[in-house]
Amino acid sequence: MSLLEIRDLHVTYGNGAAAVRGVDLTLAPGRKLGMAGESGCGKSTLAMALLRLLPSSATMTGSVLLDGEDVLGMRWGRLRAVRWAGASIVFQGAMHSLNAVHRVGDQLAEPILLHGLAGPDDARARARELLEQVGLPAARADAYPHELSGGQRQRVMIAMALACAPELIVADEPTTALDVMIQAQILRLLDRLVTDRGISLLMISHDLAVLADTCDRLAVMYAGRVVEEGPARQVHAAARHPYGRALSAAFPRVGDPASRRAPRGLPGDPPDPSALPPGCAFHPRCPVAIGVCAVDDQRLREAGPEHRAACVHADLLPRSTA
C-alpha cells in the first residue's frame, strides 16, 4: 500500500503558467523518493501542492492521496490537522522559514501545542529533545535564528518537521544554501532519522548524485512533467531520457579528470510554463530529437525493470553511464 499517491496532478497559475502537468507518483511507507530537475521545472510547486500551501491564484486538479485520503478535497480543519502531524515540509533557506523574533525552542513547541500533543511545559521539554536528536545542544532552544549558523538553522527546520511525528517529510532542497561539509552532515542526518523512525521521505534537489545516494527511487521533472522515473542509482548512472542523462553529466565526477575539466550540460533554459512548445517540451534542447518529437508529447513508457522514460528513444539509448 502507498502512503502517498499522486494521480494526474495539474497546477496552473492565474497567468496561465502550467507549472505541474499530469504528474503520477507513488511513495510507499518508509521509502525515500527523490525528485530532480533544473530550477523552473515544477519541483517546488509540486511539493507545496502536496499540503495545499500554494497561493489562491493556483488551480489544482487531480488527487493527492495521503494514507488514502485526498488532501485536495480536505476541509480546512482536517487539512490543519494533517499538516505537521501527517506530513511536514522542510523548506530551502531556513533563515526565511524561521521567525526572526522568536526563540527557536518556542517555534519548535508551537506545532506541538497547536496539535494538542502536550501542555506548555512538556512541549518545551520536547523541543529540547528534538534539538538533541538533530545534533544540537538543548540549550540552543533559547537562541534566536540569527544566533545560529546556516547548518544549525537547517537542523532546527528538520527538528520542526519531526515535532509531531509525521508519516511523511517533504524536503525541498534542504542543503542548497550550505557548504559541502555541512551538506553531507544534513544528508546523513535526514537519512538516519527517516530510517530509524520508518518515515517516508520525498526529497527535492537539482543534484542527481545526492539523490542517488540518499533515495530508493528517483523521478526527473522537466516543464512540469515527470520525464523519467526508476531506481535512483540506475537513473543516475544510466538515464533513459536525454534530459536525465544531461543532468547527470552536468556534475564533475570524482576521479574523472575529463569531466572535471569539461563538464557537460545543456544550452538554454527550461521553457516558460505559460508558453510551452508543441510536442515534447524538451525537444528544442534535445540532442537526439526527431520530427515526431516536435509534434507528439511523449508519455512515460517502459525503459527497463521498474524504469520508465517519456522519450521516443527510451529503449534505444545506450545503457552506459552518462
Protein backbone atom coordinates (compact mmCIF):
# COMPACT_ATOMS: atom_id res chain seq x y z
CA MET A 1 0.00 0.00 0.00
CA SER A 2 1.21 3.53 -0.81
CA LEU A 3 1.47 6.22 1.84
CA LEU A 4 1.47 8.95 -0.82
CA GLU A 5 -0.20 8.57 -4.20
CA ILE A 6 -0.27 11.47 -6.66
CA ARG A 7 -2.71 10.97 -9.50
CA ASP A 8 -2.84 13.15 -12.62
CA LEU A 9 -1.88 16.27 -10.66
CA HIS A 10 -2.08 19.58 -12.53
CA VAL A 11 -1.19 23.01 -11.11
CA THR A 12 -1.90 26.13 -13.16
CA TYR A 13 -1.32 29.70 -12.02
CA GLY A 14 -3.55 32.66 -12.82
CA ASN A 15 -1.24 33.85 -15.60
CA GLY A 16 -1.76 30.56 -17.45
CA ALA A 17 1.55 29.03 -16.36
CA ALA A 18 1.19 25.23 -16.29
CA ALA A 19 3.70 24.52 -13.51
CA VAL A 20 2.72 20.86 -12.96
CA ARG A 21 1.21 18.77 -15.75
CA GLY A 22 -0.28 15.35 -15.15
CA VAL A 23 2.13 14.00 -12.54
CA ASP A 24 1.61 10.44 -11.27
CA LEU A 25 3.84 9.22 -8.45
CA THR A 26 3.65 6.83 -5.51
CA LEU A 27 5.66 6.56 -2.31
CA ALA A 28 5.45 3.54 -0.02
CA PRO A 29 5.74 3.76 3.79
CA GLY A 30 9.33 4.02 4.97
CA ARG A 31 10.70 4.62 1.47
CA LYS A 32 12.64 7.56 0.01
CA LEU A 33 11.76 9.17 -3.33
CA GLY A 34 13.99 11.80 -4.93
CA MET A 35 12.85 14.44 -7.40
CA ALA A 36 15.35 16.20 -9.65
CA GLY A 37 15.30 18.92 -12.29
CA GLU A 38 16.51 22.40 -13.11
CA SER A 39 15.02 25.49 -11.49
CA GLY A 40 11.64 26.21 -13.06
CA CYS A 41 10.74 22.58 -13.77
CA GLY A 42 7.92 22.47 -11.19
CA LYS A 43 9.56 20.61 -8.29
CA SER A 44 8.82 23.15 -5.54
CA THR A 45 5.31 23.79 -6.87
CA LEU A 46 4.65 20.06 -6.61
CA ALA A 47 5.99 19.98 -3.05
CA MET A 48 3.78 22.89 -1.98
CA ALA A 49 0.75 21.35 -3.69
CA LEU A 50 1.05 18.21 -1.56
CA LEU A 51 -0.05 20.18 1.53
CA ARG A 52 -2.04 22.87 -0.30
CA LEU A 53 0.47 25.60 0.50
CA LEU A 54 0.16 27.33 -2.87
CA PRO A 55 -1.35 30.82 -3.26
CA SER A 56 -5.01 31.27 -4.13
CA SER A 57 -4.02 32.09 -7.73
CA ALA A 58 -3.07 28.45 -8.26
CA THR A 59 -5.64 25.97 -9.56
CA MET A 60 -5.07 22.31 -8.68
CA THR A 61 -6.77 19.29 -10.23
CA GLY A 62 -6.21 15.58 -9.83
CA SER A 63 -5.68 13.99 -6.43
CA VAL A 64 -3.05 13.76 -3.71
CA LEU A 65 -3.82 10.74 -1.57
CA LEU A 66 -2.08 10.75 1.81
CA ASP A 67 -2.72 7.46 3.56
CA GLY A 68 -5.77 7.05 1.31
CA GLU A 69 -7.27 10.50 1.99
CA ASP A 70 -7.34 13.16 -0.72
CA VAL A 71 -5.54 16.30 0.50
CA LEU A 72 -7.06 18.40 -2.29
CA GLY A 73 -10.57 17.63 -1.07
CA MET A 74 -9.98 18.11 2.66
CA ARG A 75 -11.90 20.70 4.64
CA TRP A 76 -9.78 23.39 6.27
CA GLY A 77 -9.95 21.89 9.77
CA ARG A 78 -8.89 18.46 8.56
CA LEU A 79 -6.08 19.98 6.49
CA ARG A 80 -4.72 21.81 9.54
CA ALA A 81 -4.72 18.51 11.45
CA VAL A 82 -2.80 16.74 8.65
CA ARG A 83 -0.11 19.42 8.33
CA TRP A 84 2.82 18.65 10.65
CA ALA A 85 1.15 15.54 12.11
CA GLY A 86 0.51 13.60 8.87
CA ALA A 87 3.06 15.27 6.64
CA SER A 88 5.55 18.07 7.16
CA ILE A 89 7.90 20.05 4.95
CA VAL A 90 11.49 21.24 5.27
CA PHE A 91 11.84 24.38 3.17
CA GLN A 92 15.01 25.56 1.48
CA GLY A 93 16.56 28.61 3.13
CA ALA A 94 15.86 28.09 6.84
CA MET A 95 16.50 31.75 7.70
CA HIS A 96 13.46 32.70 5.62
CA SER A 97 11.30 29.98 7.20
CA LEU A 98 12.08 30.66 10.87
CA ASN A 99 10.59 33.64 12.69
CA ALA A 100 13.44 36.04 13.43
CA VAL A 101 11.85 37.47 16.61
CA HIS A 102 11.05 34.18 18.37
CA ARG A 103 13.43 31.78 20.06
CA VAL A 104 13.85 28.50 18.19
CA GLY A 105 12.59 26.47 21.16
CA ASP A 106 9.27 28.35 21.10
CA GLN A 107 8.97 27.76 17.36
CA LEU A 108 9.59 24.04 17.83
CA ALA A 109 6.99 23.88 20.61
CA GLU A 110 4.34 25.73 18.59
CA PRO A 111 3.16 22.85 16.33
CA ILE A 112 3.16 20.51 19.33
CA LEU A 113 0.88 22.90 21.21
CA LEU A 114 -1.36 23.60 18.19
CA HIS A 115 -1.96 19.88 17.69
CA GLY A 116 -2.68 19.37 21.38
CA LEU A 117 0.07 16.81 21.80
CA ALA A 118 1.39 18.27 25.06
CA GLY A 119 1.00 21.15 27.51
CA PRO A 120 3.34 24.17 27.51
CA ASP A 121 5.96 22.67 29.85
CA ASP A 122 6.05 19.30 28.11
CA ALA A 123 6.14 20.97 24.68
CA ARG A 124 9.20 23.00 25.65
CA ALA A 125 10.86 19.85 27.00
CA ARG A 126 10.01 18.05 23.77
CA ALA A 127 11.58 20.93 21.79
CA ARG A 128 14.85 20.45 23.65
CA GLU A 129 14.74 16.70 22.99
CA LEU A 130 14.21 17.35 19.29
CA LEU A 131 17.23 19.63 19.15
CA GLU A 132 19.39 16.92 20.72
CA GLN A 133 18.04 14.38 18.21
CA VAL A 134 19.27 16.52 15.32
CA GLY A 135 22.68 17.05 16.90
CA LEU A 136 22.25 20.41 18.63
CA PRO A 137 22.64 21.16 22.36
CA ALA A 138 19.31 21.53 24.14
CA ALA A 139 20.45 24.97 25.33
CA ARG A 140 20.14 26.26 21.75
CA ALA A 141 16.38 26.30 22.33
CA ASP A 142 16.90 29.76 23.88
CA ALA A 143 18.69 31.11 20.79
CA TYR A 144 17.21 33.32 18.10
CA PRO A 145 17.65 32.20 14.46
CA HIS A 146 20.31 34.84 13.71
CA GLU A 147 22.44 33.40 16.52
CA LEU A 148 22.73 30.06 14.71
CA SER A 149 24.82 29.07 11.70
CA GLY A 150 23.19 28.02 8.43
CA GLY A 151 23.68 24.34 9.19
CA GLN A 152 22.26 24.76 12.70
CA ARG A 153 19.18 26.55 11.37
CA GLN A 154 18.61 23.76 8.87
CA ARG A 155 18.81 21.24 11.72
CA VAL A 156 16.16 23.28 13.56
CA MET A 157 13.92 23.04 10.47
CA ILE A 158 14.37 19.27 10.41
CA ALA A 159 13.58 19.09 14.13
CA MET A 160 10.42 21.13 13.50
CA ALA A 161 9.39 18.74 10.72
CA LEU A 162 9.74 15.85 13.20
CA ALA A 163 7.90 17.63 16.05
CA CYS A 164 4.52 15.96 15.56
CA ALA A 165 5.84 12.56 14.43
CA PRO A 166 4.61 12.73 10.79
CA GLU A 167 4.50 9.77 8.43
CA LEU A 168 5.91 11.81 5.53
CA ILE A 169 8.59 14.50 5.29
CA VAL A 170 8.94 16.62 2.15
CA ALA A 171 12.45 18.12 1.97
CA ASP A 172 12.62 20.88 -0.64
CA GLU A 173 16.33 21.36 -1.45
CA PRO A 174 17.27 21.34 2.26
CA THR A 175 21.01 21.70 1.60
CA THR A 176 21.11 24.24 -1.24
CA ALA A 177 22.49 27.15 0.82
CA LEU A 178 25.04 25.08 2.77
CA ASP A 179 28.71 24.32 2.18
CA VAL A 180 29.62 20.79 1.13
CA MET A 181 30.74 19.62 4.59
CA ILE A 182 27.52 20.77 6.29
CA GLN A 183 25.51 19.45 3.34
CA ALA A 184 26.92 15.98 3.91
CA GLN A 185 26.07 16.16 7.63
CA ILE A 186 22.48 17.21 6.92
CA LEU A 187 22.00 14.45 4.36
CA ARG A 188 23.33 11.82 6.77
CA LEU A 189 21.06 13.21 9.49
CA LEU A 190 17.96 13.04 7.27
CA ASP A 191 18.81 9.52 6.14
CA ARG A 192 19.32 8.32 9.72
CA LEU A 193 16.15 9.91 11.05
CA VAL A 194 13.84 8.57 8.34
CA THR A 195 15.41 5.12 8.62
CA ASP A 196 15.23 4.97 12.42
CA ARG A 197 11.66 6.25 12.55
CA GLY A 198 10.30 4.50 9.44
CA ILE A 199 9.27 7.84 7.93
CA SER A 200 8.73 8.27 4.19
CA LEU A 201 10.83 10.99 2.53
CA LEU A 202 10.23 12.98 -0.64
CA MET A 203 13.46 14.85 -1.28
CA ILE A 204 13.82 17.53 -3.95
CA SER A 205 17.17 18.58 -5.41
CA HIS A 206 18.86 19.59 -8.65
CA ASP A 207 21.73 17.19 -7.85
CA LEU A 208 21.18 13.64 -9.13
CA ALA A 209 24.25 12.35 -7.28
CA VAL A 210 22.88 13.48 -3.91
CA LEU A 211 19.50 11.89 -4.63
CA ALA A 212 21.07 8.66 -5.89
CA ASP A 213 22.99 8.31 -2.62
CA THR A 214 20.01 9.21 -0.44
CA CYS A 215 16.88 7.80 -2.09
CA ASP A 216 15.48 4.46 -3.21
CA ARG A 217 13.79 5.81 -6.34
CA LEU A 218 14.27 8.92 -8.43
CA ALA A 219 11.90 10.96 -10.60
CA VAL A 220 13.19 13.57 -13.06
CA MET A 221 10.93 16.55 -13.84
CA TYR A 222 11.02 18.82 -16.87
CA ALA A 223 8.50 21.53 -17.77
CA GLY A 224 6.05 20.31 -15.12
CA ARG A 225 6.13 16.65 -16.11
CA VAL A 226 7.91 13.57 -14.84
CA VAL A 227 10.04 12.52 -17.81
CA GLU A 228 11.85 9.64 -16.11
CA GLU A 229 11.32 7.51 -13.01
CA GLY A 230 13.09 4.45 -11.71
CA PRO A 231 15.63 3.05 -9.21
CA ALA A 232 17.70 6.01 -8.04
CA ARG A 233 21.18 4.70 -8.79
CA GLN A 234 20.08 3.33 -12.15
CA VAL A 235 18.53 6.65 -13.23
CA HIS A 236 21.69 8.48 -12.19
CA ALA A 237 24.14 6.06 -13.81
CA ALA A 238 22.18 5.09 -16.93
CA ALA A 239 19.32 7.50 -17.52
CA ARG A 240 16.94 6.54 -20.34
CA HIS A 241 15.81 10.11 -21.12
CA PRO A 242 18.20 12.63 -22.74
CA TYR A 243 17.35 15.20 -20.07
CA GLY A 244 18.20 12.81 -17.25
CA ARG A 245 21.49 12.00 -18.97
CA ALA A 246 22.28 15.71 -19.30
CA LEU A 247 21.56 16.35 -15.61
CA SER A 248 23.85 13.51 -14.60
CA ALA A 249 26.63 14.63 -16.95
CA ALA A 250 26.49 18.25 -15.75
CA PHE A 251 28.27 17.37 -12.49
CA PRO A 252 32.01 16.59 -12.45
CA ARG A 253 32.78 13.06 -11.28
CA VAL A 254 35.35 12.40 -8.56
CA GLY A 255 38.39 10.70 -10.07
CA ASP A 256 37.44 11.63 -13.65
CA PRO A 257 39.71 14.49 -14.85
CA ALA A 258 37.89 14.77 -18.20
CA SER A 259 34.54 15.52 -16.58
CA ARG A 260 36.13 17.97 -14.15
CA ARG A 261 37.84 19.96 -16.89
CA ALA A 262 34.93 19.91 -19.32
CA PRO A 263 31.62 19.32 -17.52
CA ARG A 264 28.74 18.87 -19.91
CA GLY A 265 25.35 20.46 -19.78
CA LEU A 266 22.58 21.80 -21.99
CA PRO A 267 22.21 25.07 -23.86
CA GLY A 268 19.35 27.37 -22.96
CA ASP A 269 16.81 27.13 -20.15
CA PRO A 270 13.60 25.23 -19.43
CA PRO A 271 10.63 26.70 -21.31
CA ASP A 272 8.29 29.32 -19.89
CA PRO A 273 5.41 27.31 -18.34
CA SER A 274 2.94 29.80 -19.81
CA ALA A 275 4.30 29.31 -23.35
CA LEU A 276 5.27 25.66 -23.71
CA PRO A 277 6.42 24.44 -27.13
CA PRO A 278 4.28 21.90 -29.03
CA GLY A 279 5.11 18.22 -28.79
CA CYS A 280 7.74 17.15 -26.26
CA ALA A 281 8.65 20.24 -24.21
CA PHE A 282 12.30 19.14 -24.17
CA HIS A 283 12.72 18.81 -27.95
CA PRO A 284 14.14 22.34 -28.58
CA ARG A 285 17.13 21.46 -26.34
CA CYS A 286 17.33 17.75 -27.09
CA PRO A 287 20.43 16.48 -28.93
CA VAL A 288 18.58 13.42 -30.30
CA ALA A 289 15.19 14.97 -31.20
CA ILE A 290 13.49 13.79 -34.39
CA GLY A 291 10.48 15.08 -36.28
CA VAL A 292 7.86 13.33 -34.16
CA CYS A 293 9.23 14.97 -31.00
CA ALA A 294 8.03 18.40 -32.19
CA VAL A 295 4.50 17.06 -32.74
CA ASP A 296 3.71 14.39 -30.17
CA ASP A 297 4.03 14.94 -26.43
CA GLN A 298 5.83 11.82 -25.22
CA ARG A 299 4.41 9.88 -22.27
CA LEU A 300 6.19 7.59 -19.84
CA ARG A 301 6.92 4.16 -21.27
CA GLU A 302 8.81 1.11 -20.07
CA ALA A 303 12.59 1.56 -20.32
CA GLY A 304 13.81 -1.33 -18.21
CA PRO A 305 12.88 -3.14 -14.99
CA GLU A 306 10.84 -0.73 -12.83
CA HIS A 307 12.16 2.09 -15.03
CA ARG A 308 10.11 4.44 -17.23
CA ALA A 309 11.04 7.32 -19.52
CA ALA A 310 9.00 9.74 -21.65
CA CYS A 311 11.14 9.55 -24.77
CA VAL A 312 10.69 8.00 -28.20
CA HIS A 313 14.27 6.73 -27.87
CA ALA A 314 13.81 5.28 -24.36
CA ASP A 315 14.50 1.70 -25.45
CA LEU A 316 17.27 2.69 -27.89
CA LEU A 317 19.56 4.96 -25.88
CA PRO A 318 22.79 3.22 -24.84
CA ARG A 319 22.70 1.91 -21.30
CA SER A 320 26.16 3.11 -20.38
CA THR A 321 26.94 5.63 -17.64
CA ALA A 322 26.32 9.23 -18.76
